[in-house]
Amino acid sequence: MARVLVVDDDAAVRELMAAVMMRAGHSVDVAANGREALAFLERGACDLIVCDLKMPVLDGAGLYDQIRDRWPALLRRLLFVSGSAAMPEYRDFVRTAQPYILPKPFAIAHLEEAVRRMLEVAQGAQA
């Protein structure tokens, strides 16, 4: 069982992703934006962050920058789930950061598979 932080400003998507993670047996915390996610990360650790890219307050790219500066080991545990990766304002971020992105809309099976793979990579890096 992993501890997963789900970050998305859309409550319905956030709740769906949290439900998928819980059904897989993971412990789930949620945040509505990058600022809430940072507050969570300051208080505790997680095994995986599943995050939207385009959000108000602090978007996924801004959260990525903060994680890179403060907890760089978490970058390999960051999965973006976004329909905004092709937008012009994220083009440079995607090109330079090369994050793992699961495009929205996504099939539940694809989310489950991406989470499984990300957790395997994270666990392999810890070994």
N, C-alpha and C. Protein backbone atom coordinates (compact mmCIF):
# COMPACT_ATOMS: atom_id res chain seq x y z
N MET A 1 0.85 -1.19 0.00
CA MET A 1 0.00 0.00 0.00
C MET A 1 0.88 1.24 0.00
N ALA A 2 0.53 2.20 -0.84
CA ALA A 2 1.28 3.44 -0.96
C ALA A 2 0.44 4.60 -0.44
N ARG A 3 1.12 5.67 -0.09
CA ARG A 3 0.43 6.90 0.28
C ARG A 3 0.49 7.82 -0.94
N VAL A 4 -0.68 8.17 -1.47
CA VAL A 4 -0.79 8.93 -2.71
C VAL A 4 -1.43 10.29 -2.42
N LEU A 5 -0.84 11.33 -2.98
CA LEU A 5 -1.42 12.67 -2.92
C LEU A 5 -2.01 12.99 -4.28
N VAL A 6 -3.31 13.24 -4.33
CA VAL A 6 -4.01 13.60 -5.57
C VAL A 6 -4.26 15.10 -5.55
N VAL A 7 -3.79 15.79 -6.60
CA VAL A 7 -3.89 17.25 -6.68
C VAL A 7 -4.62 17.62 -7.97
N ASP A 8 -5.82 18.17 -7.83
CA ASP A 8 -6.60 18.60 -9.00
C ASP A 8 -7.63 19.61 -8.55
N ASP A 9 -7.80 20.67 -9.33
CA ASP A 9 -8.76 21.71 -8.96
C ASP A 9 -10.20 21.31 -9.27
N ASP A 10 -10.40 20.34 -10.12
CA ASP A 10 -11.73 19.85 -10.45
C ASP A 10 -12.12 18.79 -9.42
N ALA A 11 -13.08 19.12 -8.57
CA ALA A 11 -13.46 18.23 -7.46
C ALA A 11 -13.90 16.85 -7.97
N ALA A 12 -14.63 16.80 -9.07
CA ALA A 12 -15.11 15.52 -9.58
C ALA A 12 -13.94 14.64 -10.02
N VAL A 13 -12.99 15.22 -10.72
CA VAL A 13 -11.82 14.46 -11.18
C VAL A 13 -10.97 14.05 -9.98
N ARG A 14 -10.79 14.97 -9.04
CA ARG A 14 -10.02 14.68 -7.83
C ARG A 14 -10.63 13.51 -7.06
N GLU A 15 -11.94 13.53 -6.90
CA GLU A 15 -12.63 12.46 -6.17
C GLU A 15 -12.56 11.14 -6.94
N LEU A 16 -12.67 11.18 -8.25
CA LEU A 16 -12.57 9.97 -9.06
C LEU A 16 -11.18 9.35 -8.92
N MET A 17 -10.14 10.19 -9.07
CA MET A 17 -8.78 9.65 -8.96
C MET A 17 -8.52 9.12 -7.55
N ALA A 18 -9.02 9.81 -6.53
CA ALA A 18 -8.86 9.33 -5.15
C ALA A 18 -9.56 7.98 -4.97
N ALA A 19 -10.75 7.84 -5.53
CA ALA A 19 -11.49 6.58 -5.41
C ALA A 19 -10.75 5.43 -6.09
N VAL A 20 -10.17 5.71 -7.26
CA VAL A 20 -9.40 4.69 -7.98
C VAL A 20 -8.20 4.26 -7.14
N MET A 21 -7.52 5.23 -6.53
CA MET A 21 -6.35 4.91 -5.69
C MET A 21 -6.75 4.11 -4.45
N MET A 22 -7.86 4.49 -3.83
CA MET A 22 -8.32 3.77 -2.63
C MET A 22 -8.76 2.35 -2.98
N ARG A 23 -9.43 2.20 -4.12
CA ARG A 23 -9.85 0.86 -4.58
C ARG A 23 -8.65 -0.05 -4.79
N ALA A 24 -7.52 0.55 -5.16
CA ALA A 24 -6.29 -0.23 -5.36
C ALA A 24 -5.56 -0.49 -4.04
N GLY A 25 -6.14 0.01 -2.94
CA GLY A 25 -5.57 -0.25 -1.63
C GLY A 25 -4.62 0.81 -1.10
N HIS A 26 -4.55 1.93 -1.78
CA HIS A 26 -3.63 2.99 -1.36
C HIS A 26 -4.31 3.94 -0.37
N SER A 27 -3.51 4.55 0.46
CA SER A 27 -3.95 5.63 1.34
C SER A 27 -3.90 6.91 0.51
N VAL A 28 -4.95 7.74 0.57
CA VAL A 28 -5.03 8.90 -0.32
C VAL A 28 -5.27 10.18 0.47
N ASP A 29 -4.52 11.20 0.10
CA ASP A 29 -4.76 12.57 0.56
C ASP A 29 -5.05 13.39 -0.68
N VAL A 30 -5.81 14.47 -0.52
CA VAL A 30 -6.18 15.28 -1.68
C VAL A 30 -5.86 16.75 -1.44
N ALA A 31 -5.63 17.45 -2.55
CA ALA A 31 -5.39 18.89 -2.53
C ALA A 31 -6.03 19.48 -3.78
N ALA A 32 -6.54 20.71 -3.66
CA ALA A 32 -7.22 21.36 -4.77
C ALA A 32 -6.30 22.18 -5.65
N ASN A 33 -5.05 22.38 -5.22
CA ASN A 33 -4.10 23.16 -6.01
C ASN A 33 -2.68 22.92 -5.48
N GLY A 34 -1.72 23.47 -6.16
CA GLY A 34 -0.33 23.27 -5.78
C GLY A 34 0.01 23.81 -4.41
N ARG A 35 -0.59 24.91 -4.01
CA ARG A 35 -0.30 25.46 -2.69
C ARG A 35 -0.75 24.51 -1.58
N GLU A 36 -1.95 23.92 -1.74
CA GLU A 36 -2.41 22.94 -0.76
C GLU A 36 -1.51 21.71 -0.76
N ALA A 37 -1.03 21.32 -1.93
CA ALA A 37 -0.13 20.17 -2.02
C ALA A 37 1.18 20.45 -1.29
N LEU A 38 1.72 21.66 -1.45
CA LEU A 38 2.94 22.02 -0.74
C LEU A 38 2.75 21.97 0.77
N ALA A 39 1.60 22.47 1.23
CA ALA A 39 1.32 22.43 2.67
C ALA A 39 1.30 20.99 3.16
N PHE A 40 0.71 20.10 2.39
CA PHE A 40 0.70 18.68 2.76
C PHE A 40 2.13 18.12 2.79
N LEU A 41 2.92 18.41 1.76
CA LEU A 41 4.28 17.88 1.69
C LEU A 41 5.16 18.40 2.82
N GLU A 42 4.89 19.61 3.29
CA GLU A 42 5.65 20.14 4.42
C GLU A 42 5.35 19.38 5.71
N ARG A 43 4.15 18.82 5.80
CA ARG A 43 3.74 18.10 7.01
C ARG A 43 4.07 16.61 6.98
N GLY A 44 4.15 16.04 5.79
CA GLY A 44 4.34 14.59 5.72
C GLY A 44 4.82 14.14 4.36
N ALA A 45 5.17 12.88 4.29
CA ALA A 45 5.71 12.29 3.07
C ALA A 45 4.62 11.57 2.29
N CYS A 46 4.89 11.32 1.04
CA CYS A 46 4.00 10.49 0.23
C CYS A 46 4.85 9.68 -0.74
N ASP A 47 4.27 8.62 -1.25
CA ASP A 47 4.96 7.75 -2.19
C ASP A 47 4.77 8.16 -3.64
N LEU A 48 3.66 8.87 -3.91
CA LEU A 48 3.34 9.27 -5.28
C LEU A 48 2.45 10.51 -5.24
N ILE A 49 2.69 11.42 -6.18
CA ILE A 49 1.83 12.59 -6.36
C ILE A 49 1.21 12.48 -7.75
N VAL A 50 -0.11 12.49 -7.80
CA VAL A 50 -0.85 12.48 -9.06
C VAL A 50 -1.45 13.86 -9.19
N CYS A 51 -1.02 14.62 -10.19
CA CYS A 51 -1.30 16.06 -10.21
C CYS A 51 -1.76 16.55 -11.57
N ASP A 52 -2.75 17.43 -11.55
CA ASP A 52 -3.17 18.16 -12.74
C ASP A 52 -2.10 19.18 -13.07
N LEU A 53 -2.07 19.65 -14.29
CA LEU A 53 -1.09 20.65 -14.70
C LEU A 53 -1.67 22.06 -14.59
N LYS A 54 -2.87 22.26 -15.11
CA LYS A 54 -3.47 23.60 -15.12
C LYS A 54 -4.43 23.72 -13.94
N MET A 55 -4.02 24.56 -12.97
CA MET A 55 -4.82 24.80 -11.77
C MET A 55 -4.63 26.25 -11.34
N PRO A 56 -5.60 26.82 -10.65
CA PRO A 56 -5.41 28.16 -10.09
C PRO A 56 -4.51 28.11 -8.86
N VAL A 57 -4.12 29.25 -8.37
CA VAL A 57 -3.31 29.46 -7.18
C VAL A 57 -1.86 29.07 -7.43
N LEU A 58 -1.58 27.79 -7.60
CA LEU A 58 -0.25 27.30 -7.98
C LEU A 58 -0.48 26.10 -8.88
N ASP A 59 -0.06 26.24 -10.15
CA ASP A 59 -0.31 25.16 -11.11
C ASP A 59 0.71 24.04 -10.95
N GLY A 60 0.55 23.01 -11.77
CA GLY A 60 1.43 21.85 -11.69
C GLY A 60 2.88 22.18 -12.00
N ALA A 61 3.11 23.08 -12.95
CA ALA A 61 4.49 23.47 -13.28
C ALA A 61 5.13 24.18 -12.09
N GLY A 62 4.38 25.03 -11.43
CA GLY A 62 4.89 25.71 -10.24
C GLY A 62 5.15 24.74 -9.11
N LEU A 63 4.28 23.77 -8.94
CA LEU A 63 4.48 22.74 -7.93
C LEU A 63 5.73 21.93 -8.26
N TYR A 64 5.90 21.58 -9.52
CA TYR A 64 7.10 20.87 -9.96
C TYR A 64 8.36 21.64 -9.56
N ASP A 65 8.37 22.95 -9.84
CA ASP A 65 9.53 23.78 -9.49
C ASP A 65 9.82 23.76 -8.00
N GLN A 66 8.76 23.87 -7.19
CA GLN A 66 8.93 23.85 -5.74
C GLN A 66 9.46 22.49 -5.26
N ILE A 67 8.94 21.42 -5.82
CA ILE A 67 9.40 20.08 -5.44
C ILE A 67 10.85 19.91 -5.87
N ARG A 68 11.19 20.36 -7.06
CA ARG A 68 12.57 20.24 -7.55
C ARG A 68 13.54 20.97 -6.61
N ASP A 69 13.13 22.14 -6.12
CA ASP A 69 14.00 22.93 -5.25
C ASP A 69 14.06 22.40 -3.82
N ARG A 70 12.97 21.80 -3.34
CA ARG A 70 12.89 21.42 -1.92
C ARG A 70 13.01 19.92 -1.66
N TRP A 71 12.44 19.11 -2.53
CA TRP A 71 12.44 17.65 -2.37
C TRP A 71 12.73 16.99 -3.72
N PRO A 72 13.90 17.16 -4.28
CA PRO A 72 14.17 16.68 -5.65
C PRO A 72 13.92 15.19 -5.85
N ALA A 73 14.08 14.39 -4.81
CA ALA A 73 13.84 12.94 -4.97
C ALA A 73 12.38 12.65 -5.30
N LEU A 74 11.47 13.56 -4.97
CA LEU A 74 10.04 13.36 -5.26
C LEU A 74 9.72 13.51 -6.75
N LEU A 75 10.59 14.09 -7.53
CA LEU A 75 10.29 14.31 -8.94
C LEU A 75 10.00 13.01 -9.67
N ARG A 76 10.68 11.94 -9.30
CA ARG A 76 10.42 10.65 -9.96
C ARG A 76 9.14 10.01 -9.45
N ARG A 77 8.49 10.67 -8.50
CA ARG A 77 7.22 10.18 -7.95
C ARG A 77 6.07 11.12 -8.31
N LEU A 78 6.26 11.91 -9.36
CA LEU A 78 5.27 12.91 -9.77
C LEU A 78 4.68 12.52 -11.12
N LEU A 79 3.38 12.22 -11.11
CA LEU A 79 2.65 11.84 -12.31
C LEU A 79 1.64 12.93 -12.63
N PHE A 80 1.79 13.57 -13.78
CA PHE A 80 0.82 14.57 -14.20
C PHE A 80 -0.30 13.89 -14.97
N VAL A 81 -1.52 14.29 -14.69
CA VAL A 81 -2.71 13.83 -15.40
C VAL A 81 -3.36 15.11 -15.91
N SER A 82 -3.22 15.36 -17.21
CA SER A 82 -3.60 16.68 -17.71
C SER A 82 -4.03 16.68 -19.16
N GLY A 83 -4.95 17.56 -19.45
CA GLY A 83 -5.34 17.82 -20.83
C GLY A 83 -4.72 19.11 -21.33
N SER A 84 -3.84 19.72 -20.54
CA SER A 84 -3.26 21.03 -20.85
C SER A 84 -1.82 21.00 -21.31
N ALA A 85 -1.21 19.84 -21.38
CA ALA A 85 0.21 19.74 -21.68
C ALA A 85 0.58 20.34 -23.04
N ALA A 86 -0.35 20.32 -23.99
CA ALA A 86 -0.06 20.85 -25.32
C ALA A 86 -0.32 22.35 -25.43
N MET A 87 -0.85 22.95 -24.38
CA MET A 87 -1.14 24.38 -24.41
C MET A 87 0.16 25.18 -24.49
N PRO A 88 0.15 26.31 -25.22
CA PRO A 88 1.39 27.09 -25.40
C PRO A 88 2.07 27.48 -24.08
N GLU A 89 1.30 27.79 -23.06
CA GLU A 89 1.93 28.23 -21.80
C GLU A 89 2.67 27.10 -21.07
N TYR A 90 2.44 25.85 -21.47
CA TYR A 90 3.13 24.72 -20.85
C TYR A 90 4.17 24.06 -21.76
N ARG A 91 4.28 24.56 -22.98
CA ARG A 91 5.19 23.95 -23.96
C ARG A 91 6.63 23.90 -23.45
N ASP A 92 7.15 25.02 -22.94
CA ASP A 92 8.53 25.06 -22.45
C ASP A 92 8.71 24.14 -21.25
N PHE A 93 7.74 24.16 -20.34
CA PHE A 93 7.83 23.29 -19.17
C PHE A 93 7.92 21.83 -19.57
N VAL A 94 7.04 21.40 -20.45
CA VAL A 94 7.01 19.99 -20.87
C VAL A 94 8.31 19.62 -21.58
N ARG A 95 8.83 20.53 -22.41
CA ARG A 95 10.06 20.25 -23.15
C ARG A 95 11.27 20.15 -22.20
N THR A 96 11.38 21.04 -21.24
CA THR A 96 12.55 21.04 -20.38
C THR A 96 12.45 20.04 -19.22
N ALA A 97 11.29 19.94 -18.58
CA ALA A 97 11.14 19.05 -17.42
C ALA A 97 10.93 17.59 -17.85
N GLN A 98 10.33 17.40 -19.00
CA GLN A 98 9.98 16.08 -19.51
C GLN A 98 9.29 15.21 -18.45
N PRO A 99 8.22 15.74 -17.87
CA PRO A 99 7.51 14.95 -16.85
C PRO A 99 6.69 13.84 -17.49
N TYR A 100 6.34 12.84 -16.67
CA TYR A 100 5.44 11.80 -17.16
C TYR A 100 4.03 12.37 -17.12
N ILE A 101 3.33 12.35 -18.25
CA ILE A 101 2.00 12.93 -18.35
C ILE A 101 1.03 11.89 -18.91
N LEU A 102 -0.03 11.63 -18.16
CA LEU A 102 -1.15 10.82 -18.64
C LEU A 102 -2.19 11.81 -19.14
N PRO A 103 -2.50 11.80 -20.44
CA PRO A 103 -3.43 12.79 -20.99
C PRO A 103 -4.86 12.58 -20.50
N LYS A 104 -5.55 13.70 -20.24
CA LYS A 104 -6.99 13.69 -19.97
C LYS A 104 -7.68 13.88 -21.30
N PRO A 105 -8.82 13.30 -21.51
CA PRO A 105 -9.47 12.33 -20.63
C PRO A 105 -8.72 11.01 -20.68
N PHE A 106 -8.78 10.28 -19.59
CA PHE A 106 -8.05 9.03 -19.48
C PHE A 106 -9.00 7.90 -19.13
N ALA A 107 -8.63 6.71 -19.50
CA ALA A 107 -9.37 5.51 -19.09
C ALA A 107 -8.89 5.14 -17.69
N ILE A 108 -9.77 4.67 -16.85
CA ILE A 108 -9.41 4.27 -15.49
C ILE A 108 -8.26 3.25 -15.52
N ALA A 109 -8.33 2.31 -16.44
CA ALA A 109 -7.27 1.30 -16.54
C ALA A 109 -5.91 1.94 -16.84
N HIS A 110 -5.89 3.01 -17.63
CA HIS A 110 -4.63 3.69 -17.93
C HIS A 110 -4.09 4.40 -16.70
N LEU A 111 -4.97 5.00 -15.90
CA LEU A 111 -4.55 5.64 -14.66
C LEU A 111 -3.99 4.59 -13.70
N GLU A 112 -4.69 3.49 -13.56
CA GLU A 112 -4.22 2.42 -12.68
C GLU A 112 -2.84 1.90 -13.11
N GLU A 113 -2.66 1.72 -14.40
CA GLU A 113 -1.39 1.23 -14.93
C GLU A 113 -0.27 2.26 -14.71
N ALA A 114 -0.55 3.52 -14.97
CA ALA A 114 0.46 4.58 -14.78
C ALA A 114 0.87 4.66 -13.31
N VAL A 115 -0.09 4.58 -12.41
CA VAL A 115 0.22 4.61 -10.97
C VAL A 115 1.05 3.40 -10.59
N ARG A 116 0.67 2.24 -11.06
CA ARG A 116 1.43 1.02 -10.75
C ARG A 116 2.88 1.15 -11.22
N ARG A 117 3.06 1.64 -12.43
CA ARG A 117 4.42 1.78 -12.98
C ARG A 117 5.22 2.83 -12.22
N MET A 118 4.59 3.95 -11.90
CA MET A 118 5.29 5.00 -11.16
C MET A 118 5.72 4.50 -9.79
N LEU A 119 4.87 3.75 -9.13
CA LEU A 119 5.21 3.22 -7.81
C LEU A 119 6.34 2.20 -7.91
N GLU A 120 6.33 1.38 -8.96
CA GLU A 120 7.42 0.42 -9.17
C GLU A 120 8.74 1.14 -9.36
N VAL A 121 8.74 2.21 -10.14
CA VAL A 121 9.95 3.00 -10.38
C VAL A 121 10.42 3.62 -9.07
N ALA A 122 9.50 4.21 -8.32
CA ALA A 122 9.86 4.84 -7.04
C ALA A 122 10.42 3.83 -6.06
N GLN A 123 9.80 2.65 -6.00
CA GLN A 123 10.29 1.61 -5.08
C GLN A 123 11.63 1.07 -5.53
N GLY A 124 11.83 0.96 -6.83
CA GLY A 124 13.12 0.51 -7.35
C GLY A 124 14.23 1.50 -7.05
N ALA A 125 13.90 2.79 -7.07
CA ALA A 125 14.89 3.81 -6.77
C ALA A 125 15.27 3.81 -5.29
N GLN A 126 14.36 3.36 -4.43
CA GLN A 126 14.64 3.30 -2.99
C GLN A 126 15.48 2.09 -2.62
N ALA A 127 15.42 1.05 -3.43
CA ALA A 127 16.12 -0.20 -3.10
C ALA A 127 17.62 -0.09 -3.23
